[in-house]
């Protein structure tokens, strides 16, 4: 199965790495975060339904949207027959449901 990253997911990962390295002054932890996130995303190739399915109100057209908890972060992804689409990577402290709900309502306007 192929893994595809959205621009938002790439931005989420890069900004988290930058925050940990520059604001928290911990480049070792930033490298560790990067390694752990990508290792867990790679695990999805063998077990795409590993994460918990998201509630229906966050999904479009019955798509299989899921979340995978990785430490203090959530990887939001969609599973299709041929690929896994990484949509977002959120800190667990963020109100990710509100963020995703806003994006879905924007699409319906």
N, C-alpha and C. Protein backbone atom coordinates (compact mmCIF):
# COMPACT_ATOMS: atom_id res chain seq x y z
N UNK A 1 0.84 -1.18 0.00
CA UNK A 1 0.00 0.00 0.00
C UNK A 1 0.88 1.24 0.00
N UNK A 2 0.48 2.21 -0.76
CA UNK A 2 1.24 3.44 -0.91
C UNK A 2 0.82 4.47 0.15
N UNK A 3 1.77 5.25 0.63
CA UNK A 3 1.46 6.32 1.59
C UNK A 3 1.62 7.66 0.89
N UNK A 4 0.59 8.50 1.04
CA UNK A 4 0.58 9.83 0.44
C UNK A 4 0.37 10.84 1.56
N UNK A 5 1.18 11.90 1.56
CA UNK A 5 1.09 12.94 2.59
C UNK A 5 0.42 14.18 2.02
N UNK A 6 -0.54 14.73 2.77
CA UNK A 6 -1.12 16.02 2.38
C UNK A 6 -0.11 17.12 2.72
N UNK A 7 -0.28 18.24 2.08
CA UNK A 7 0.57 19.40 2.37
C UNK A 7 0.43 19.80 3.84
N UNK A 8 -0.80 19.74 4.37
CA UNK A 8 -1.03 20.09 5.77
C UNK A 8 -0.28 19.14 6.72
N UNK A 9 -0.27 17.85 6.41
CA UNK A 9 0.44 16.88 7.26
C UNK A 9 1.94 17.16 7.25
N UNK A 10 2.48 17.45 6.09
CA UNK A 10 3.91 17.78 6.00
C UNK A 10 4.21 19.03 6.81
N UNK A 11 3.36 20.04 6.67
CA UNK A 11 3.54 21.28 7.45
C UNK A 11 3.44 21.01 8.95
N UNK A 12 2.47 20.17 9.35
CA UNK A 12 2.32 19.82 10.77
C UNK A 12 3.60 19.19 11.32
N UNK A 13 4.14 18.22 10.58
CA UNK A 13 5.34 17.52 11.03
C UNK A 13 6.53 18.46 11.08
N UNK A 14 6.72 19.23 10.02
CA UNK A 14 7.86 20.16 9.97
C UNK A 14 7.78 21.22 11.07
N UNK A 15 6.59 21.76 11.31
CA UNK A 15 6.47 22.80 12.34
C UNK A 15 6.68 22.22 13.74
N UNK A 16 6.26 20.99 13.96
CA UNK A 16 6.49 20.36 15.27
C UNK A 16 7.97 20.10 15.49
N UNK A 17 8.64 19.62 14.48
CA UNK A 17 10.09 19.38 14.57
C UNK A 17 10.81 20.70 14.86
N UNK A 18 10.45 21.73 14.13
CA UNK A 18 11.06 23.05 14.31
C UNK A 18 10.80 23.59 15.72
N UNK A 19 9.57 23.45 16.20
CA UNK A 19 9.21 23.92 17.54
C UNK A 19 10.04 23.21 18.62
N UNK A 20 10.12 21.90 18.52
CA UNK A 20 10.88 21.14 19.52
C UNK A 20 12.36 21.51 19.47
N UNK A 21 12.90 21.62 18.28
CA UNK A 21 14.33 21.91 18.14
C UNK A 21 14.69 23.34 18.52
N UNK A 22 13.87 24.30 18.07
CA UNK A 22 14.22 25.71 18.25
C UNK A 22 13.63 26.36 19.50
N UNK A 23 12.36 26.14 19.73
CA UNK A 23 11.71 26.78 20.89
C UNK A 23 12.01 26.04 22.19
N UNK A 24 12.02 24.72 22.13
CA UNK A 24 12.31 23.94 23.32
C UNK A 24 13.80 23.63 23.45
N UNK A 25 14.56 24.04 22.43
CA UNK A 25 16.02 23.85 22.41
C UNK A 25 16.41 22.39 22.64
N UNK A 26 15.71 21.50 21.94
CA UNK A 26 15.98 20.08 22.13
C UNK A 26 16.00 19.35 20.78
N UNK A 27 17.09 19.52 20.02
CA UNK A 27 17.17 18.88 18.71
C UNK A 27 17.15 17.35 18.79
N UNK A 28 17.61 16.78 19.87
CA UNK A 28 17.56 15.33 20.03
C UNK A 28 16.11 14.85 20.10
N UNK A 29 15.29 15.55 20.87
CA UNK A 29 13.87 15.20 20.97
C UNK A 29 13.17 15.42 19.63
N UNK A 30 13.57 16.46 18.90
CA UNK A 30 12.99 16.72 17.58
C UNK A 30 13.29 15.55 16.63
N UNK A 31 14.53 15.07 16.64
CA UNK A 31 14.89 13.92 15.82
C UNK A 31 14.11 12.68 16.24
N UNK A 32 13.94 12.49 17.53
CA UNK A 32 13.19 11.35 18.05
C UNK A 32 11.73 11.42 17.60
N UNK A 33 11.12 12.60 17.69
CA UNK A 33 9.74 12.79 17.24
C UNK A 33 9.61 12.40 15.77
N UNK A 34 10.50 12.91 14.96
CA UNK A 34 10.47 12.63 13.52
C UNK A 34 10.57 11.13 13.25
N UNK A 35 11.51 10.49 13.90
CA UNK A 35 11.72 9.05 13.71
C UNK A 35 10.48 8.25 14.12
N UNK A 36 9.94 8.55 15.29
CA UNK A 36 8.79 7.81 15.81
C UNK A 36 7.55 8.02 14.93
N UNK A 37 7.31 9.24 14.49
CA UNK A 37 6.15 9.51 13.63
C UNK A 37 6.26 8.73 12.33
N UNK A 38 7.41 8.81 11.68
CA UNK A 38 7.55 8.12 10.39
C UNK A 38 7.57 6.60 10.55
N UNK A 39 8.13 6.09 11.63
CA UNK A 39 8.08 4.64 11.88
C UNK A 39 6.64 4.17 12.03
N UNK A 40 5.83 4.92 12.76
CA UNK A 40 4.44 4.53 12.96
C UNK A 40 3.62 4.66 11.68
N UNK A 41 3.91 5.66 10.88
CA UNK A 41 3.23 5.79 9.59
C UNK A 41 3.59 4.60 8.70
N UNK A 42 4.84 4.20 8.70
CA UNK A 42 5.26 3.04 7.91
C UNK A 42 4.56 1.76 8.38
N UNK A 43 4.30 1.65 9.68
CA UNK A 43 3.58 0.48 10.22
C UNK A 43 2.19 0.35 9.61
N UNK A 44 1.61 1.47 9.20
CA UNK A 44 0.27 1.44 8.62
C UNK A 44 0.23 0.67 7.31
N UNK A 45 1.34 0.57 6.62
CA UNK A 45 1.37 -0.19 5.36
C UNK A 45 0.93 -1.64 5.59
N UNK A 46 1.37 -2.21 6.68
CA UNK A 46 1.03 -3.59 6.99
C UNK A 46 -0.29 -3.75 7.73
N UNK A 47 -0.72 -2.70 8.40
CA UNK A 47 -1.97 -2.73 9.18
C UNK A 47 -2.69 -1.39 9.04
N UNK A 48 -3.27 -1.14 7.87
CA UNK A 48 -3.88 0.18 7.65
C UNK A 48 -5.04 0.52 8.57
N UNK A 49 -5.68 -0.48 9.16
CA UNK A 49 -6.81 -0.23 10.05
C UNK A 49 -6.39 -0.24 11.52
N UNK A 50 -5.10 -0.05 11.75
CA UNK A 50 -4.55 -0.04 13.10
C UNK A 50 -5.17 1.06 13.97
N UNK A 51 -5.37 2.22 13.39
CA UNK A 51 -5.92 3.35 14.13
C UNK A 51 -7.41 3.22 14.35
N UNK A 52 -7.93 4.04 15.24
CA UNK A 52 -9.35 4.08 15.58
C UNK A 52 -10.11 4.86 14.51
N UNK A 53 -11.23 4.32 14.08
CA UNK A 53 -12.04 5.02 13.08
C UNK A 53 -12.64 6.29 13.68
N UNK A 54 -12.61 7.38 12.91
CA UNK A 54 -13.17 8.65 13.38
C UNK A 54 -14.69 8.63 13.29
N UNK A 55 -15.34 9.43 14.13
CA UNK A 55 -16.81 9.52 14.08
C UNK A 55 -17.29 9.98 12.70
N UNK A 56 -18.46 9.54 12.33
CA UNK A 56 -19.02 9.83 11.01
C UNK A 56 -19.10 11.31 10.66
N UNK A 57 -19.36 12.16 11.64
CA UNK A 57 -19.50 13.59 11.32
C UNK A 57 -18.19 14.22 10.88
N UNK A 58 -17.07 13.54 11.07
CA UNK A 58 -15.78 14.05 10.62
C UNK A 58 -15.38 13.47 9.26
N UNK A 59 -16.19 12.59 8.72
CA UNK A 59 -15.86 11.91 7.48
C UNK A 59 -16.71 12.43 6.32
N UNK A 60 -16.18 12.27 5.13
CA UNK A 60 -16.88 12.69 3.92
C UNK A 60 -17.15 11.46 3.07
N UNK A 61 -18.38 11.32 2.58
CA UNK A 61 -18.72 10.22 1.67
C UNK A 61 -18.34 8.85 2.20
N UNK A 62 -18.56 8.62 3.47
CA UNK A 62 -18.26 7.33 4.09
C UNK A 62 -16.79 6.92 3.95
N UNK A 63 -15.91 7.88 3.79
CA UNK A 63 -14.47 7.57 3.70
C UNK A 63 -14.01 6.99 5.04
N UNK A 64 -12.99 6.18 4.99
CA UNK A 64 -12.46 5.52 6.19
C UNK A 64 -11.36 6.39 6.80
N UNK A 65 -11.77 7.38 7.58
CA UNK A 65 -10.82 8.24 8.28
C UNK A 65 -10.51 7.65 9.64
N UNK A 66 -9.23 7.68 10.01
CA UNK A 66 -8.79 7.07 11.26
C UNK A 66 -7.78 7.96 11.96
N UNK A 67 -7.57 7.66 13.26
CA UNK A 67 -6.54 8.37 14.02
C UNK A 67 -5.65 7.32 14.68
N UNK A 68 -4.37 7.61 14.66
CA UNK A 68 -3.39 6.76 15.31
C UNK A 68 -2.68 7.61 16.36
N UNK A 69 -2.71 7.18 17.60
CA UNK A 69 -2.07 7.91 18.68
C UNK A 69 -0.60 7.49 18.73
N UNK A 70 0.26 8.50 18.66
CA UNK A 70 1.71 8.28 18.71
C UNK A 70 2.26 9.22 19.78
N UNK A 71 2.52 8.68 20.96
CA UNK A 71 2.97 9.53 22.07
C UNK A 71 1.90 10.55 22.39
N UNK A 72 2.27 11.83 22.29
CA UNK A 72 1.34 12.92 22.58
C UNK A 72 0.73 13.49 21.31
N UNK A 73 0.87 12.78 20.20
CA UNK A 73 0.38 13.27 18.92
C UNK A 73 -0.62 12.30 18.29
N UNK A 74 -1.42 12.85 17.39
CA UNK A 74 -2.41 12.07 16.66
C UNK A 74 -2.12 12.18 15.17
N UNK A 75 -2.08 11.05 14.51
CA UNK A 75 -1.94 11.03 13.06
C UNK A 75 -3.34 10.75 12.51
N UNK A 76 -3.85 11.68 11.71
CA UNK A 76 -5.16 11.53 11.09
C UNK A 76 -4.92 11.08 9.66
N UNK A 77 -5.55 9.96 9.29
CA UNK A 77 -5.32 9.42 7.95
C UNK A 77 -6.58 8.79 7.38
N UNK A 78 -6.55 8.59 6.08
CA UNK A 78 -7.66 7.99 5.35
C UNK A 78 -7.15 6.74 4.64
N UNK A 79 -7.94 5.68 4.70
CA UNK A 79 -7.57 4.43 4.05
C UNK A 79 -8.46 4.21 2.83
N UNK A 80 -7.82 3.91 1.70
CA UNK A 80 -8.58 3.50 0.51
C UNK A 80 -8.07 2.12 0.10
N UNK A 81 -8.53 1.63 -1.00
CA UNK A 81 -8.10 0.30 -1.46
C UNK A 81 -6.63 0.26 -1.84
N UNK A 82 -6.09 1.40 -2.28
CA UNK A 82 -4.72 1.40 -2.81
C UNK A 82 -3.73 2.25 -2.04
N UNK A 83 -4.23 3.13 -1.18
CA UNK A 83 -3.30 4.03 -0.50
C UNK A 83 -3.79 4.46 0.87
N UNK A 84 -2.83 4.95 1.63
CA UNK A 84 -3.09 5.56 2.94
C UNK A 84 -2.73 7.03 2.79
N UNK A 85 -3.69 7.89 3.02
CA UNK A 85 -3.46 9.33 2.89
C UNK A 85 -3.32 9.95 4.28
N UNK A 86 -2.13 10.44 4.58
CA UNK A 86 -1.89 11.10 5.86
C UNK A 86 -2.42 12.52 5.72
N UNK A 87 -3.45 12.84 6.50
CA UNK A 87 -4.12 14.13 6.37
C UNK A 87 -3.55 15.20 7.29
N UNK A 88 -3.37 14.86 8.58
CA UNK A 88 -2.87 15.82 9.56
C UNK A 88 -2.10 15.08 10.64
N UNK A 89 -1.25 15.82 11.34
CA UNK A 89 -0.55 15.31 12.53
C UNK A 89 -0.71 16.39 13.59
N UNK A 90 -1.52 16.10 14.60
CA UNK A 90 -1.86 17.07 15.64
C UNK A 90 -1.19 16.73 16.96
N UNK A 91 -0.89 17.76 17.72
CA UNK A 91 -0.55 17.58 19.13
C UNK A 91 -1.84 17.17 19.83
N UNK A 92 -1.74 16.26 20.76
CA UNK A 92 -2.91 15.83 21.52
C UNK A 92 -3.53 16.95 22.33
N UNK A 93 -2.80 18.03 22.52
CA UNK A 93 -3.32 19.17 23.28
C UNK A 93 -4.24 20.05 22.45
N UNK A 94 -4.18 19.89 21.14
CA UNK A 94 -5.01 20.71 20.26
C UNK A 94 -6.44 20.17 20.23
N UNK A 95 -7.37 21.05 19.94
CA UNK A 95 -8.76 20.64 19.78
C UNK A 95 -8.94 20.18 18.32
N UNK A 96 -8.39 19.01 18.04
CA UNK A 96 -8.34 18.51 16.66
C UNK A 96 -9.73 18.22 16.11
N UNK A 97 -10.68 17.87 16.95
CA UNK A 97 -12.04 17.63 16.47
C UNK A 97 -12.64 18.93 15.94
N UNK A 98 -12.44 20.02 16.66
CA UNK A 98 -12.95 21.32 16.21
C UNK A 98 -12.28 21.74 14.90
N UNK A 99 -10.98 21.52 14.81
CA UNK A 99 -10.25 21.88 13.59
C UNK A 99 -10.78 21.09 12.40
N UNK A 100 -10.92 19.77 12.57
CA UNK A 100 -11.43 18.94 11.48
C UNK A 100 -12.89 19.26 11.17
N UNK A 101 -13.69 19.55 12.18
CA UNK A 101 -15.10 19.89 11.96
C UNK A 101 -15.22 21.17 11.15
N UNK A 102 -14.37 22.16 11.45
CA UNK A 102 -14.38 23.41 10.70
C UNK A 102 -14.03 23.17 9.24
N UNK A 103 -13.05 22.31 8.99
CA UNK A 103 -12.65 22.02 7.61
C UNK A 103 -13.79 21.33 6.85
N UNK A 104 -14.49 20.42 7.53
CA UNK A 104 -15.59 19.72 6.86
C UNK A 104 -16.72 20.69 6.55
N UNK A 105 -17.04 21.61 7.50
CA UNK A 105 -18.14 22.55 7.23
C UNK A 105 -17.74 23.53 6.12
N UNK A 106 -16.45 23.86 6.02
CA UNK A 106 -15.99 24.73 4.94
C UNK A 106 -16.23 24.05 3.59
N UNK A 107 -16.03 22.74 3.49
CA UNK A 107 -16.23 22.00 2.25
C UNK A 107 -17.70 21.94 1.86
N UNK A 108 -18.57 22.01 2.84
CA UNK A 108 -20.00 21.90 2.57
C UNK A 108 -20.63 23.24 2.20
N UNK A 109 -19.88 24.31 2.26
CA UNK A 109 -20.43 25.64 1.93
C UNK A 109 -20.35 25.92 0.46
